[in-house]
Amino acid sequence: GERLRDLRSEAGITSQEKLAELAGVHRTYVGRLERGES
């Protein structure tokens, strides 16, 4: 989760929602991944 968050920031993607949209996954899934919950 920490690695995904760092890479998202480095990629200039400011929100989990935008990353989810680009990746074709649900926005809450990205949040759960970044928090280490899933």
All heavy atoms as atom14 arrays in JSON, in Angstrom:
{
  "sequence": "GERLRDLRSEAGITSQEKLAELAGVHRTYVGRLERGES",
  "atom14_mask": [
    [1, 1, 1, 1, 0, 0, 0, 0, 0, 0, 0, 0, 0, 0],
    [1, 1, 1, 1, 1, 1, 1, 1, 1, 0, 0, 0, 0, 0],
    [1, 1, 1, 1, 1, 1, 1, 1, 1, 1, 1, 0, 0, 0],
    [1, 1, 1, 1, 1, 1, 1, 1, 0, 0, 0, 0, 0, 0],
    [1, 1, 1, 1, 1, 1, 1, 1, 1, 1, 1, 0, 0, 0],
    [1, 1, 1, 1, 1, 1, 1, 1, 0, 0, 0, 0, 0, 0],
    [1, 1, 1, 1, 1, 1, 1, 1, 0, 0, 0, 0, 0, 0],
    [1, 1, 1, 1, 1, 1, 1, 1, 1, 1, 1, 0, 0, 0],
    [1, 1, 1, 1, 1, 1, 0, 0, 0, 0, 0, 0, 0, 0],
    [1, 1, 1, 1, 1, 1, 1, 1, 1, 0, 0, 0, 0, 0],
    [1, 1, 1, 1, 1, 0, 0, 0, 0, 0, 0, 0, 0, 0],
    [1, 1, 1, 1, 0, 0, 0, 0, 0, 0, 0, 0, 0, 0],
    [1, 1, 1, 1, 1, 1, 1, 1, 0, 0, 0, 0, 0, 0],
    [1, 1, 1, 1, 1, 1, 1, 0, 0, 0, 0, 0, 0, 0],
    [1, 1, 1, 1, 1, 1, 0, 0, 0, 0, 0, 0, 0, 0],
    [1, 1, 1, 1, 1, 1, 1, 1, 1, 0, 0, 0, 0, 0],
    [1, 1, 1, 1, 1, 1, 1, 1, 1, 0, 0, 0, 0, 0],
    [1, 1, 1, 1, 1, 1, 1, 1, 1, 0, 0, 0, 0, 0],
    [1, 1, 1, 1, 1, 1, 1, 1, 0, 0, 0, 0, 0, 0],
    [1, 1, 1, 1, 1, 0, 0, 0, 0, 0, 0, 0, 0, 0],
    [1, 1, 1, 1, 1, 1, 1, 1, 1, 0, 0, 0, 0, 0],
    [1, 1, 1, 1, 1, 1, 1, 1, 0, 0, 0, 0, 0, 0],
    [1, 1, 1, 1, 1, 0, 0, 0, 0, 0, 0, 0, 0, 0],
    [1, 1, 1, 1, 0, 0, 0, 0, 0, 0, 0, 0, 0, 0],
    [1, 1, 1, 1, 1, 1, 1, 0, 0, 0, 0, 0, 0, 0],
    [1, 1, 1, 1, 1, 1, 1, 1, 1, 1, 0, 0, 0, 0],
    [1, 1, 1, 1, 1, 1, 1, 1, 1, 1, 1, 0, 0, 0],
    [1, 1, 1, 1, 1, 1, 1, 0, 0, 0, 0, 0, 0, 0],
    [1, 1, 1, 1, 1, 1, 1, 1, 1, 1, 1, 1, 0, 0],
    [1, 1, 1, 1, 1, 1, 1, 0, 0, 0, 0, 0, 0, 0],
    [1, 1, 1, 1, 0, 0, 0, 0, 0, 0, 0, 0, 0, 0],
    [1, 1, 1, 1, 1, 1, 1, 1, 1, 1, 1, 0, 0, 0],
    [1, 1, 1, 1, 1, 1, 1, 1, 0, 0, 0, 0, 0, 0],
    [1, 1, 1, 1, 1, 1, 1, 1, 1, 0, 0, 0, 0, 0],
    [1, 1, 1, 1, 1, 1, 1, 1, 1, 1, 1, 0, 0, 0],
    [1, 1, 1, 1, 0, 0, 0, 0, 0, 0, 0, 0, 0, 0],
    [1, 1, 1, 1, 1, 1, 1, 1, 1, 0, 0, 0, 0, 0],
    [1, 1, 1, 1, 1, 1, 0, 0, 0, 0, 0, 0, 0, 0]
  ],
  "atom14_positions": [
    [[0.81, -1.22, 0.0], [0.0, 0.0, 0.0], [0.84, 1.26, 0.0], [0.57, 2.21, -0.74], [0.0, 0.0, 0.0], [0.0, 0.0, 0.0], [0.0, 0.0, 0.0], [0.0, 0.0, 0.0], [0.0, 0.0, 0.0], [0.0, 0.0, 0.0], [0.0, 0.0, 0.0], [0.0, 0.0, 0.0], [0.0, 0.0, 0.0], [0.0, 0.0, 0.0]],
    [[1.87, 1.28, 0.82], [2.77, 2.43, 0.87], [3.46, 2.64, -0.48], [3.59, 3.77, -0.95], [3.82, 2.25, 1.96], [3.26, 2.37, 3.36], [4.29, 2.0, 4.43], [5.5, 1.94, 4.12], [3.86, 1.78, 5.58], [0.0, 0.0, 0.0], [0.0, 0.0, 0.0], [0.0, 0.0, 0.0], [0.0, 0.0, 0.0], [0.0, 0.0, 0.0]],
    [[3.87, 1.54, -1.09], [4.54, 1.64, -2.39], [3.58, 2.17, -3.45], [3.95, 3.03, -4.25], [5.08, 0.25, -2.8], [5.81, 0.22, -4.11], [7.15, 0.9, -4.03], [7.85, 0.73, -5.3], [8.57, 1.66, -5.87], [8.75, 2.83, -5.28], [9.16, 1.45, -7.02], [0.0, 0.0, 0.0], [0.0, 0.0, 0.0], [0.0, 0.0, 0.0]],
    [[2.35, 1.68, -3.46], [1.37, 2.18, -4.42], [1.11, 3.67, -4.21], [1.04, 4.44, -5.18], [0.06, 1.4, -4.3], [0.07, -0.02, -4.86], [-1.22, -0.74, -4.5], [0.28, 0.0, -6.37], [0.0, 0.0, 0.0], [0.0, 0.0, 0.0], [0.0, 0.0, 0.0], [0.0, 0.0, 0.0], [0.0, 0.0, 0.0], [0.0, 0.0, 0.0]],
    [[0.96, 4.09, -2.97], [0.71, 5.51, -2.66], [1.88, 6.37, -3.14], [1.68, 7.42, -3.77], [0.5, 5.7, -1.17], [0.06, 7.1, -0.79], [-0.18, 7.28, 0.71], [-0.89, 6.17, 1.33], [-0.32, 5.29, 2.18], [0.95, 5.39, 2.51], [-1.03, 4.31, 2.7], [0.0, 0.0, 0.0], [0.0, 0.0, 0.0], [0.0, 0.0, 0.0]],
    [[3.11, 5.94, -2.86], [4.29, 6.69, -3.3], [4.35, 6.81, -4.82], [4.63, 7.88, -5.35], [5.57, 6.04, -2.78], [5.73, 6.15, -1.26], [5.01, 6.96, -0.64], [6.56, 5.41, -0.71], [0.0, 0.0, 0.0], [0.0, 0.0, 0.0], [0.0, 0.0, 0.0], [0.0, 0.0, 0.0], [0.0, 0.0, 0.0], [0.0, 0.0, 0.0]],
    [[4.09, 5.7, -5.5], [4.15, 5.72, -6.97], [3.03, 6.57, -7.56], [3.24, 7.26, -8.56], [4.09, 4.29, -7.53], [5.34, 3.46, -7.29], [5.08, 2.0, -7.67], [6.52, 4.02, -8.08], [0.0, 0.0, 0.0], [0.0, 0.0, 0.0], [0.0, 0.0, 0.0], [0.0, 0.0, 0.0], [0.0, 0.0, 0.0], [0.0, 0.0, 0.0]],
    [[1.85, 6.54, -6.94], [0.75, 7.38, -7.42], [1.14, 8.84, -7.33], [0.94, 9.62, -8.27], [-0.53, 7.11, -6.62], [-1.69, 8.01, -7.04], [-2.99, 7.61, -6.35], [-2.95, 7.6, -4.91], [-3.09, 8.69, -4.14], [-3.26, 9.88, -4.69], [-3.07, 8.58, -2.83], [0.0, 0.0, 0.0], [0.0, 0.0, 0.0], [0.0, 0.0, 0.0]],
    [[1.73, 9.21, -6.23], [2.17, 10.59, -6.04], [3.25, 10.96, -7.06], [3.18, 12.03, -7.67], [2.71, 10.76, -4.61], [3.17, 12.07, -4.41], [0.0, 0.0, 0.0], [0.0, 0.0, 0.0], [0.0, 0.0, 0.0], [0.0, 0.0, 0.0], [0.0, 0.0, 0.0], [0.0, 0.0, 0.0], [0.0, 0.0, 0.0], [0.0, 0.0, 0.0]],
    [[4.22, 10.08, -7.25], [5.28, 10.33, -8.23], [4.74, 10.46, -9.64], [5.29, 11.2, -10.46], [6.32, 9.21, -8.17], [7.18, 9.22, -6.93], [8.1, 8.0, -6.84], [8.35, 7.36, -7.88], [8.55, 7.7, -5.73], [0.0, 0.0, 0.0], [0.0, 0.0, 0.0], [0.0, 0.0, 0.0], [0.0, 0.0, 0.0], [0.0, 0.0, 0.0]],
    [[3.66, 9.74, -9.93], [3.05, 9.79, -11.26], [2.21, 11.05, -11.46], [1.69, 11.29, -12.55], [2.18, 8.55, -11.49], [0.0, 0.0, 0.0], [0.0, 0.0, 0.0], [0.0, 0.0, 0.0], [0.0, 0.0, 0.0], [0.0, 0.0, 0.0], [0.0, 0.0, 0.0], [0.0, 0.0, 0.0], [0.0, 0.0, 0.0], [0.0, 0.0, 0.0]],
    [[2.05, 11.83, -10.39], [1.27, 13.05, -10.5], [-0.23, 12.82, -10.46], [-1.01, 13.7, -10.83], [0.0, 0.0, 0.0], [0.0, 0.0, 0.0], [0.0, 0.0, 0.0], [0.0, 0.0, 0.0], [0.0, 0.0, 0.0], [0.0, 0.0, 0.0], [0.0, 0.0, 0.0], [0.0, 0.0, 0.0], [0.0, 0.0, 0.0], [0.0, 0.0, 0.0]],
    [[-0.64, 11.65, -10.01], [-2.06, 11.34, -9.88], [-2.44, 11.7, -8.45], [-2.05, 11.03, -7.5], [-2.35, 9.86, -10.19], [-1.88, 9.53, -11.62], [-3.84, 9.55, -10.02], [-1.92, 8.07, -11.97], [0.0, 0.0, 0.0], [0.0, 0.0, 0.0], [0.0, 0.0, 0.0], [0.0, 0.0, 0.0], [0.0, 0.0, 0.0], [0.0, 0.0, 0.0]],
    [[-3.2, 12.78, -8.31], [-3.43, 13.35, -6.99], [-4.5, 12.67, -6.17], [-4.57, 12.86, -4.96], [-3.76, 14.85, -7.1], [-4.92, 14.99, -7.93], [-2.59, 15.62, -7.7], [0.0, 0.0, 0.0], [0.0, 0.0, 0.0], [0.0, 0.0, 0.0], [0.0, 0.0, 0.0], [0.0, 0.0, 0.0], [0.0, 0.0, 0.0], [0.0, 0.0, 0.0]],
    [[-5.35, 11.87, -6.82], [-6.42, 11.24, -6.04], [-6.5, 9.74, -6.32], [-6.19, 9.27, -7.41], [-7.77, 11.89, -6.35], [-8.22, 11.52, -7.64], [0.0, 0.0, 0.0], [0.0, 0.0, 0.0], [0.0, 0.0, 0.0], [0.0, 0.0, 0.0], [0.0, 0.0, 0.0], [0.0, 0.0, 0.0], [0.0, 0.0, 0.0], [0.0, 0.0, 0.0]],
    [[-6.95, 9.04, -5.31], [-7.21, 7.61, -5.46], [-8.32, 7.39, -6.49], [-8.28, 6.43, -7.25], [-7.61, 7.0, -4.11], [-6.52, 7.02, -3.08], [-7.0, 6.61, -1.71], [-8.2, 6.58, -1.43], [-6.06, 6.31, -0.82], [0.0, 0.0, 0.0], [0.0, 0.0, 0.0], [0.0, 0.0, 0.0], [0.0, 0.0, 0.0], [0.0, 0.0, 0.0]],
    [[-9.28, 8.28, -6.49], [-10.4, 8.17, -7.42], [-9.92, 8.23, -8.88], [-10.36, 7.44, -9.72], [-11.42, 9.27, -7.15], [-12.68, 9.13, -7.96], [-13.76, 10.1, -7.53], [-13.49, 11.01, -6.73], [-14.89, 9.92, -8.0], [0.0, 0.0, 0.0], [0.0, 0.0, 0.0], [0.0, 0.0, 0.0], [0.0, 0.0, 0.0], [0.0, 0.0, 0.0]],
    [[-8.99, 9.14, -9.18], [-8.47, 9.26, -10.54], [-7.7, 8.0, -10.93], [-7.84, 7.49, -12.04], [-7.58, 10.5, -10.66], [-7.05, 10.73, -12.05], [-8.17, 10.98, -13.05], [-7.62, 11.26, -14.43], [-8.68, 11.39, -15.44], [0.0, 0.0, 0.0], [0.0, 0.0, 0.0], [0.0, 0.0, 0.0], [0.0, 0.0, 0.0], [0.0, 0.0, 0.0]],
    [[-6.89, 7.49, -10.01], [-6.15, 6.26, -10.29], [-7.11, 5.11, -10.56], [-6.92, 4.34, -11.5], [-5.21, 5.9, -9.13], [-4.44, 4.59, -9.28], [-3.61, 4.57, -10.56], [-3.58, 4.35, -8.06], [0.0, 0.0, 0.0], [0.0, 0.0, 0.0], [0.0, 0.0, 0.0], [0.0, 0.0, 0.0], [0.0, 0.0, 0.0], [0.0, 0.0, 0.0]],
    [[-8.15, 5.0, -9.74], [-9.14, 3.94, -9.94], [-9.79, 4.05, -11.31], [-9.96, 3.04, -12.01], [-10.19, 4.01, -8.84], [0.0, 0.0, 0.0], [0.0, 0.0, 0.0], [0.0, 0.0, 0.0], [0.0, 0.0, 0.0], [0.0, 0.0, 0.0], [0.0, 0.0, 0.0], [0.0, 0.0, 0.0], [0.0, 0.0, 0.0], [0.0, 0.0, 0.0]],
    [[-10.13, 5.26, -11.7], [-10.75, 5.47, -13.01], [-9.81, 5.04, -14.14], [-10.2, 4.34, -15.06], [-11.09, 6.96, -13.16], [-11.68, 7.34, -14.5], [-11.88, 8.85, -14.61], [-12.26, 9.49, -13.61], [-11.65, 9.38, -15.71], [0.0, 0.0, 0.0], [0.0, 0.0, 0.0], [0.0, 0.0, 0.0], [0.0, 0.0, 0.0], [0.0, 0.0, 0.0]],
    [[-8.54, 5.43, -14.04], [-7.55, 5.09, -15.06], [-7.3, 3.58, -15.12], [-7.05, 3.03, -16.2], [-6.23, 5.81, -14.8], [-6.25, 7.33, -14.95], [-4.95, 7.94, -14.4], [-6.45, 7.71, -16.41], [0.0, 0.0, 0.0], [0.0, 0.0, 0.0], [0.0, 0.0, 0.0], [0.0, 0.0, 0.0], [0.0, 0.0, 0.0], [0.0, 0.0, 0.0]],
    [[-7.36, 2.92, -13.96], [-7.05, 1.49, -13.89], [-8.27, 0.61, -14.12], [-8.14, -0.6, -14.31], [-6.44, 1.17, -12.52], [0.0, 0.0, 0.0], [0.0, 0.0, 0.0], [0.0, 0.0, 0.0], [0.0, 0.0, 0.0], [0.0, 0.0, 0.0], [0.0, 0.0, 0.0], [0.0, 0.0, 0.0], [0.0, 0.0, 0.0], [0.0, 0.0, 0.0]],
    [[-9.47, 1.2, -14.06], [-10.68, 0.4, -14.25], [-11.05, -0.43, -13.04], [-11.6, -1.52, -13.16], [0.0, 0.0, 0.0], [0.0, 0.0, 0.0], [0.0, 0.0, 0.0], [0.0, 0.0, 0.0], [0.0, 0.0, 0.0], [0.0, 0.0, 0.0], [0.0, 0.0, 0.0], [0.0, 0.0, 0.0], [0.0, 0.0, 0.0], [0.0, 0.0, 0.0]],
    [[-10.72, 0.09, -11.86], [-11.09, -0.57, -10.61], [-11.93, 0.4, -9.79], [-11.99, 1.59, -10.08], [-9.86, -1.05, -9.8], [-9.05, -2.07, -10.61], [-8.97, 0.11, -9.39], [0.0, 0.0, 0.0], [0.0, 0.0, 0.0], [0.0, 0.0, 0.0], [0.0, 0.0, 0.0], [0.0, 0.0, 0.0], [0.0, 0.0, 0.0], [0.0, 0.0, 0.0]],
    [[-12.56, -0.1, -8.74], [-13.4, 0.76, -7.91], [-12.54, 1.66, -7.03], [-11.49, 1.24, -6.54], [-14.33, -0.1, -7.04], [-15.49, 0.66, -6.51], [-15.41, 1.4, -5.36], [-16.75, 0.81, -6.99], [-16.57, 1.98, -5.14], [-17.41, 1.63, -6.11], [0.0, 0.0, 0.0], [0.0, 0.0, 0.0], [0.0, 0.0, 0.0], [0.0, 0.0, 0.0]],
    [[-13.0, 2.87, -6.81], [-12.22, 3.85, -6.04], [-11.96, 3.4, -4.61], [-10.89, 3.66, -4.06], [-12.88, 5.22, -6.07], [-14.22, 5.27, -5.42], [-14.85, 6.67, -5.5], [-16.21, 6.65, -5.03], [-16.55, 6.64, -3.74], [-15.62, 6.63, -2.82], [-17.82, 6.61, -3.39], [0.0, 0.0, 0.0], [0.0, 0.0, 0.0], [0.0, 0.0, 0.0]],
    [[-12.92, 2.71, -4.01], [-12.7, 2.26, -2.63], [-11.65, 1.16, -2.55], [-10.97, 1.01, -1.54], [-14.0, 1.78, -1.96], [-14.53, 0.68, -2.7], [-15.02, 2.91, -1.88], [0.0, 0.0, 0.0], [0.0, 0.0, 0.0], [0.0, 0.0, 0.0], [0.0, 0.0, 0.0], [0.0, 0.0, 0.0], [0.0, 0.0, 0.0], [0.0, 0.0, 0.0]],
    [[-11.5, 0.41, -3.64], [-10.49, -0.64, -3.69], [-9.09, -0.03, -3.62], [-8.24, -0.52, -2.88], [-10.67, -1.47, -4.96], [-9.71, -2.62, -5.11], [-9.63, -3.61, -4.15], [-8.9, -2.73, -6.23], [-8.76, -4.69, -4.3], [-8.04, -3.8, -6.39], [-7.96, -4.76, -5.42], [-7.1, -5.82, -5.57], [0.0, 0.0, 0.0], [0.0, 0.0, 0.0]],
    [[-8.87, 1.04, -4.36], [-7.56, 1.7, -4.32], [-7.28, 2.2, -2.9], [-6.17, 2.02, -2.38], [-7.49, 2.86, -5.34], [-6.2, 3.66, -5.16], [-7.58, 2.32, -6.76], [0.0, 0.0, 0.0], [0.0, 0.0, 0.0], [0.0, 0.0, 0.0], [0.0, 0.0, 0.0], [0.0, 0.0, 0.0], [0.0, 0.0, 0.0], [0.0, 0.0, 0.0]],
    [[-8.27, 2.77, -2.26], [-8.09, 3.23, -0.88], [-7.75, 2.1, 0.07], [-6.85, 2.23, 0.91], [0.0, 0.0, 0.0], [0.0, 0.0, 0.0], [0.0, 0.0, 0.0], [0.0, 0.0, 0.0], [0.0, 0.0, 0.0], [0.0, 0.0, 0.0], [0.0, 0.0, 0.0], [0.0, 0.0, 0.0], [0.0, 0.0, 0.0], [0.0, 0.0, 0.0]],
    [[-8.46, 0.98, -0.07], [-8.19, -0.17, 0.8], [-6.79, -0.73, 0.55], [-6.1, -1.14, 1.49], [-9.24, -1.26, 0.59], [-10.6, -0.89, 1.16], [-11.57, -2.07, 1.24], [-11.48, -3.03, 0.17], [-12.25, -3.03, -0.94], [-13.18, -2.12, -1.1], [-12.1, -3.96, -1.85], [0.0, 0.0, 0.0], [0.0, 0.0, 0.0], [0.0, 0.0, 0.0]],
    [[-6.36, -0.72, -0.71], [-5.0, -1.19, -1.02], [-3.96, -0.28, -0.39], [-3.01, -0.75, 0.24], [-4.78, -1.26, -2.53], [-5.52, -2.33, -3.3], [-5.27, -2.19, -4.79], [-5.12, -3.72, -2.82], [0.0, 0.0, 0.0], [0.0, 0.0, 0.0], [0.0, 0.0, 0.0], [0.0, 0.0, 0.0], [0.0, 0.0, 0.0], [0.0, 0.0, 0.0]],
    [[-4.13, 1.02, -0.57], [-3.15, 1.96, -0.04], [-3.08, 1.94, 1.48], [-2.03, 2.21, 2.04], [-3.43, 3.37, -0.55], [-3.09, 3.55, -2.02], [-3.15, 4.99, -2.49], [-3.43, 5.89, -1.67], [-2.9, 5.22, -3.69], [0.0, 0.0, 0.0], [0.0, 0.0, 0.0], [0.0, 0.0, 0.0], [0.0, 0.0, 0.0], [0.0, 0.0, 0.0]],
    [[-4.17, 1.62, 2.13], [-4.17, 1.52, 3.59], [-3.72, 0.14, 4.09], [-3.6, -0.09, 5.29], [-5.56, 1.83, 4.15], [-5.96, 3.29, 4.0], [-7.26, 3.6, 4.72], [-8.39, 2.78, 4.27], [-9.17, 3.07, 3.23], [-8.96, 4.16, 2.52], [-10.18, 2.28, 2.91], [0.0, 0.0, 0.0], [0.0, 0.0, 0.0], [0.0, 0.0, 0.0]],
    [[-3.5, -0.78, 3.16], [-3.07, -2.12, 3.55], [-4.2, -2.98, 4.08], [-3.96, -3.96, 4.77], [0.0, 0.0, 0.0], [0.0, 0.0, 0.0], [0.0, 0.0, 0.0], [0.0, 0.0, 0.0], [0.0, 0.0, 0.0], [0.0, 0.0, 0.0], [0.0, 0.0, 0.0], [0.0, 0.0, 0.0], [0.0, 0.0, 0.0], [0.0, 0.0, 0.0]],
    [[-5.43, -2.63, 3.76], [-6.59, -3.37, 4.26], [-7.0, -4.52, 3.36], [-7.74, -5.39, 3.8], [-7.78, -2.42, 4.43], [-7.55, -1.35, 5.47], [-8.64, -0.3, 5.5], [-9.55, -0.34, 4.65], [-8.58, 0.57, 6.37], [0.0, 0.0, 0.0], [0.0, 0.0, 0.0], [0.0, 0.0, 0.0], [0.0, 0.0, 0.0], [0.0, 0.0, 0.0]],
    [[-6.55, -4.52, 2.12], [-6.91, -5.57, 1.16], [-5.66, -6.08, 0.46], [-4.71, -5.32, 0.25], [-7.86, -5.03, 0.09], [-9.12, -4.76, 0.61], [0.0, 0.0, 0.0], [0.0, 0.0, 0.0], [0.0, 0.0, 0.0], [0.0, 0.0, 0.0], [0.0, 0.0, 0.0], [0.0, 0.0, 0.0], [0.0, 0.0, 0.0], [0.0, 0.0, 0.0]]
  ]
}
